[in-house]
Amino acid sequence: MWGRVRRIGGKLVDRLRAEGRTGREERPHNLFEAAATYVAACAEDDQERIDEAAGWVSPEALAFGVNELACRAVVTLARERGASPRAVARELLGLPAV
């Protein structure tokens, strides 16, 4: 029974979303696109793009995406530098080495 309710509710939501579009068909942004755009915009101090990317997903999803991007970036830099991720993260933040 609940599966049927979910299907009907899903169809209703899809119909409402389709009606709310302004004629142009856009695919939804995923949290990794939002995080990449958000972080790049922050690095470039582009407030308009920061606001745009922040509106693509929920704040929780954006925080998760930014965290995942940071982890991947630190691991990649650590491999390139032959250092530990901990050392690279501290260096990027300007913290003293441990």
N, C-alpha and C. Protein backbone atom coordinates (compact mmCIF):
# COMPACT_ATOMS: atom_id res chain seq x y z
N MET A 1 0.82 -1.19 0.00
CA MET A 1 0.00 0.00 0.00
C MET A 1 0.86 1.27 0.00
N TRP A 2 1.90 1.30 0.86
CA TRP A 2 2.73 2.50 0.94
C TRP A 2 3.50 2.73 -0.35
N GLY A 3 3.87 1.64 -1.03
CA GLY A 3 4.55 1.79 -2.31
C GLY A 3 3.67 2.52 -3.31
N ARG A 4 2.39 2.21 -3.30
CA ARG A 4 1.45 2.87 -4.21
C ARG A 4 1.32 4.36 -3.86
N VAL A 5 1.26 4.67 -2.58
CA VAL A 5 1.16 6.06 -2.13
C VAL A 5 2.41 6.83 -2.56
N ARG A 6 3.59 6.20 -2.41
CA ARG A 6 4.83 6.85 -2.82
C ARG A 6 4.84 7.12 -4.32
N ARG A 7 4.39 6.15 -5.11
CA ARG A 7 4.35 6.34 -6.57
C ARG A 7 3.43 7.48 -6.96
N ILE A 8 2.27 7.54 -6.34
CA ILE A 8 1.32 8.61 -6.65
C ILE A 8 1.89 9.95 -6.21
N GLY A 9 2.48 9.98 -5.01
CA GLY A 9 3.10 11.22 -4.53
C GLY A 9 4.25 11.65 -5.41
N GLY A 10 5.04 10.69 -5.87
CA GLY A 10 6.16 10.99 -6.76
C GLY A 10 5.69 11.57 -8.08
N LYS A 11 4.61 11.01 -8.62
CA LYS A 11 4.06 11.54 -9.88
C LYS A 11 3.56 12.96 -9.70
N LEU A 12 2.92 13.22 -8.55
CA LEU A 12 2.42 14.56 -8.27
C LEU A 12 3.56 15.55 -8.16
N VAL A 13 4.62 15.18 -7.46
CA VAL A 13 5.78 16.06 -7.31
C VAL A 13 6.42 16.32 -8.66
N ASP A 14 6.57 15.28 -9.48
CA ASP A 14 7.15 15.45 -10.81
C ASP A 14 6.30 16.40 -11.65
N ARG A 15 4.99 16.28 -11.56
CA ARG A 15 4.09 17.15 -12.33
C ARG A 15 4.23 18.59 -11.86
N LEU A 16 4.30 18.80 -10.55
CA LEU A 16 4.45 20.16 -10.02
C LEU A 16 5.78 20.77 -10.43
N ARG A 17 6.83 19.96 -10.41
CA ARG A 17 8.14 20.46 -10.85
C ARG A 17 8.11 20.85 -12.32
N ALA A 18 7.48 20.03 -13.13
CA ALA A 18 7.42 20.32 -14.57
C ALA A 18 6.63 21.59 -14.83
N GLU A 19 5.57 21.82 -14.07
CA GLU A 19 4.78 23.05 -14.25
C GLU A 19 5.55 24.28 -13.78
N GLY A 20 6.43 24.09 -12.79
CA GLY A 20 7.17 25.22 -12.24
C GLY A 20 8.32 25.68 -13.10
N ARG A 21 8.70 24.88 -14.08
CA ARG A 21 9.81 25.27 -14.96
C ARG A 21 9.37 26.36 -15.91
N THR A 22 10.34 27.15 -16.32
CA THR A 22 10.03 28.31 -17.16
C THR A 22 10.25 28.03 -18.63
N GLY A 23 9.92 26.85 -19.08
CA GLY A 23 10.02 26.55 -20.49
C GLY A 23 11.33 25.93 -20.90
N ARG A 24 12.42 26.22 -20.20
CA ARG A 24 13.68 25.60 -20.58
C ARG A 24 13.91 24.38 -19.70
N GLU A 25 14.40 23.35 -20.31
CA GLU A 25 14.59 22.09 -19.60
C GLU A 25 16.00 22.04 -19.02
N GLU A 26 16.13 21.97 -17.73
CA GLU A 26 17.43 21.88 -17.07
C GLU A 26 17.46 20.63 -16.22
N ARG A 27 18.60 19.99 -16.23
CA ARG A 27 18.75 18.85 -15.33
C ARG A 27 19.13 19.37 -13.95
N PRO A 28 18.73 18.68 -12.92
CA PRO A 28 19.06 19.15 -11.58
C PRO A 28 20.56 18.99 -11.31
N HIS A 29 21.08 19.87 -10.49
CA HIS A 29 22.48 19.81 -10.11
C HIS A 29 22.65 18.81 -8.98
N ASN A 30 23.74 18.07 -9.00
CA ASN A 30 23.98 17.17 -7.88
C ASN A 30 24.88 17.84 -6.85
N LEU A 31 25.03 17.23 -5.71
CA LEU A 31 25.75 17.88 -4.62
C LEU A 31 27.22 18.07 -4.94
N PHE A 32 27.82 17.22 -5.77
CA PHE A 32 29.22 17.39 -6.11
C PHE A 32 29.43 18.55 -7.07
N GLU A 33 28.51 18.74 -8.00
CA GLU A 33 28.57 19.93 -8.87
C GLU A 33 28.43 21.19 -8.03
N ALA A 34 27.48 21.16 -7.11
CA ALA A 34 27.27 22.32 -6.24
C ALA A 34 28.51 22.61 -5.41
N ALA A 35 29.10 21.57 -4.84
CA ALA A 35 30.29 21.76 -4.01
C ALA A 35 31.46 22.29 -4.82
N ALA A 36 31.69 21.74 -6.01
CA ALA A 36 32.80 22.19 -6.84
C ALA A 36 32.61 23.65 -7.25
N THR A 37 31.41 23.99 -7.66
CA THR A 37 31.13 25.38 -8.06
C THR A 37 31.25 26.31 -6.87
N TYR A 38 30.73 25.90 -5.73
CA TYR A 38 30.76 26.71 -4.51
C TYR A 38 32.20 26.99 -4.07
N VAL A 39 33.03 25.94 -4.01
CA VAL A 39 34.41 26.10 -3.56
C VAL A 39 35.20 26.95 -4.55
N ALA A 40 35.03 26.70 -5.85
CA ALA A 40 35.74 27.49 -6.85
C ALA A 40 35.32 28.95 -6.77
N ALA A 41 34.03 29.19 -6.58
CA ALA A 41 33.53 30.57 -6.46
C ALA A 41 34.07 31.25 -5.21
N CYS A 42 34.18 30.50 -4.12
CA CYS A 42 34.77 31.06 -2.89
C CYS A 42 36.23 31.43 -3.13
N ALA A 43 36.96 30.56 -3.82
CA ALA A 43 38.37 30.83 -4.10
C ALA A 43 38.54 32.05 -4.98
N GLU A 44 37.57 32.28 -5.87
CA GLU A 44 37.62 33.42 -6.79
C GLU A 44 36.87 34.64 -6.25
N ASP A 45 36.31 34.51 -5.05
CA ASP A 45 35.54 35.58 -4.41
C ASP A 45 34.41 36.08 -5.31
N ASP A 46 33.66 35.13 -5.87
CA ASP A 46 32.54 35.42 -6.78
C ASP A 46 31.23 35.17 -6.03
N GLN A 47 30.72 36.19 -5.36
CA GLN A 47 29.55 36.05 -4.50
C GLN A 47 28.31 35.59 -5.26
N GLU A 48 28.16 36.03 -6.50
CA GLU A 48 26.99 35.64 -7.29
C GLU A 48 26.97 34.12 -7.52
N ARG A 49 28.13 33.56 -7.89
CA ARG A 49 28.20 32.11 -8.10
C ARG A 49 28.11 31.35 -6.79
N ILE A 50 28.62 31.92 -5.72
CA ILE A 50 28.50 31.28 -4.40
C ILE A 50 27.02 31.12 -4.06
N ASP A 51 26.27 32.20 -4.21
CA ASP A 51 24.83 32.16 -3.90
C ASP A 51 24.09 31.19 -4.81
N GLU A 52 24.47 31.20 -6.09
CA GLU A 52 23.81 30.30 -7.04
C GLU A 52 24.04 28.84 -6.66
N ALA A 53 25.29 28.47 -6.43
CA ALA A 53 25.62 27.09 -6.09
C ALA A 53 24.98 26.68 -4.77
N ALA A 54 24.93 27.59 -3.81
CA ALA A 54 24.33 27.29 -2.51
C ALA A 54 22.83 27.00 -2.63
N GLY A 55 22.20 27.50 -3.68
CA GLY A 55 20.78 27.26 -3.89
C GLY A 55 20.46 25.97 -4.62
N TRP A 56 21.47 25.30 -5.15
CA TRP A 56 21.24 24.09 -5.94
C TRP A 56 20.87 22.89 -5.09
N VAL A 57 21.40 22.82 -3.87
CA VAL A 57 21.16 21.68 -2.99
C VAL A 57 20.92 22.19 -1.57
N SER A 58 20.52 21.30 -0.70
CA SER A 58 20.30 21.71 0.70
C SER A 58 21.63 22.06 1.35
N PRO A 59 21.60 22.86 2.41
CA PRO A 59 22.84 23.20 3.11
C PRO A 59 23.60 21.97 3.62
N GLU A 60 22.87 20.96 4.05
CA GLU A 60 23.50 19.74 4.54
C GLU A 60 24.22 19.02 3.41
N ALA A 61 23.57 18.92 2.25
CA ALA A 61 24.18 18.27 1.10
C ALA A 61 25.40 19.05 0.62
N LEU A 62 25.31 20.36 0.62
CA LEU A 62 26.45 21.19 0.22
C LEU A 62 27.62 20.98 1.18
N ALA A 63 27.34 20.95 2.47
CA ALA A 63 28.41 20.72 3.46
C ALA A 63 29.06 19.36 3.24
N PHE A 64 28.27 18.34 2.96
CA PHE A 64 28.82 17.02 2.68
C PHE A 64 29.70 17.06 1.44
N GLY A 65 29.23 17.72 0.38
CA GLY A 65 29.99 17.81 -0.86
C GLY A 65 31.29 18.56 -0.69
N VAL A 66 31.26 19.66 0.06
CA VAL A 66 32.47 20.44 0.31
C VAL A 66 33.46 19.60 1.12
N ASN A 67 32.97 18.86 2.11
CA ASN A 67 33.83 17.99 2.91
C ASN A 67 34.47 16.91 2.03
N GLU A 68 33.69 16.30 1.17
CA GLU A 68 34.21 15.26 0.28
C GLU A 68 35.26 15.84 -0.67
N LEU A 69 35.00 17.03 -1.20
CA LEU A 69 35.96 17.70 -2.08
C LEU A 69 37.26 17.99 -1.33
N ALA A 70 37.16 18.47 -0.11
CA ALA A 70 38.35 18.77 0.69
C ALA A 70 39.16 17.50 0.94
N CYS A 71 38.49 16.42 1.30
CA CYS A 71 39.19 15.15 1.55
C CYS A 71 39.92 14.68 0.30
N ARG A 72 39.24 14.70 -0.83
CA ARG A 72 39.86 14.25 -2.07
C ARG A 72 41.03 15.14 -2.46
N ALA A 73 40.90 16.45 -2.27
CA ALA A 73 41.97 17.38 -2.62
C ALA A 73 43.19 17.14 -1.74
N VAL A 74 42.99 16.95 -0.45
CA VAL A 74 44.11 16.73 0.47
C VAL A 74 44.81 15.40 0.14
N VAL A 75 44.06 14.37 -0.13
CA VAL A 75 44.66 13.08 -0.48
C VAL A 75 45.46 13.20 -1.77
N THR A 76 44.92 13.87 -2.77
CA THR A 76 45.62 14.05 -4.04
C THR A 76 46.91 14.85 -3.85
N LEU A 77 46.83 15.95 -3.12
CA LEU A 77 48.04 16.75 -2.86
C LEU A 77 49.07 15.96 -2.06
N ALA A 78 48.62 15.18 -1.12
CA ALA A 78 49.54 14.38 -0.31
C ALA A 78 50.28 13.36 -1.19
N ARG A 79 49.57 12.74 -2.11
CA ARG A 79 50.22 11.80 -3.03
C ARG A 79 51.23 12.50 -3.91
N GLU A 80 50.85 13.66 -4.44
CA GLU A 80 51.76 14.42 -5.31
C GLU A 80 53.01 14.86 -4.57
N ARG A 81 52.86 15.23 -3.31
CA ARG A 81 53.99 15.76 -2.52
C ARG A 81 54.75 14.68 -1.77
N GLY A 82 54.22 13.48 -1.76
CA GLY A 82 54.85 12.41 -1.00
C GLY A 82 54.80 12.67 0.49
N ALA A 83 53.73 13.29 0.94
CA ALA A 83 53.56 13.62 2.35
C ALA A 83 52.28 12.99 2.87
N SER A 84 52.09 13.08 4.17
CA SER A 84 50.86 12.54 4.75
C SER A 84 49.71 13.53 4.54
N PRO A 85 48.48 13.02 4.46
CA PRO A 85 47.34 13.94 4.36
C PRO A 85 47.27 14.90 5.53
N ARG A 86 47.64 14.44 6.72
CA ARG A 86 47.62 15.31 7.90
C ARG A 86 48.58 16.48 7.73
N ALA A 87 49.79 16.19 7.24
CA ALA A 87 50.78 17.25 7.05
C ALA A 87 50.32 18.25 5.99
N VAL A 88 49.74 17.74 4.92
CA VAL A 88 49.26 18.62 3.84
C VAL A 88 48.12 19.49 4.35
N ALA A 89 47.17 18.91 5.06
CA ALA A 89 46.02 19.68 5.57
C ALA A 89 46.50 20.78 6.50
N ARG A 90 47.43 20.47 7.39
CA ARG A 90 47.95 21.49 8.31
C ARG A 90 48.68 22.59 7.55
N GLU A 91 49.47 22.19 6.53
CA GLU A 91 50.20 23.18 5.74
C GLU A 91 49.24 24.11 5.00
N LEU A 92 48.18 23.54 4.40
CA LEU A 92 47.21 24.36 3.67
C LEU A 92 46.51 25.37 4.57
N LEU A 93 46.32 24.99 5.82
CA LEU A 93 45.66 25.89 6.76
C LEU A 93 46.64 26.79 7.49
N GLY A 94 47.91 26.66 7.19
CA GLY A 94 48.91 27.51 7.84
C GLY A 94 49.17 27.15 9.29
N LEU A 95 48.94 25.90 9.64
CA LEU A 95 49.18 25.44 11.02
C LEU A 95 50.59 24.89 11.14
N PRO A 96 51.18 24.97 12.31
CA PRO A 96 52.53 24.42 12.49
C PRO A 96 52.52 22.90 12.34
N ALA A 97 53.65 22.38 11.87
CA ALA A 97 53.78 20.93 11.72
C ALA A 97 53.79 20.29 13.09
N VAL A 98 53.30 19.07 13.16
CA VAL A 98 53.25 18.36 14.44
C VAL A 98 54.41 17.42 14.55
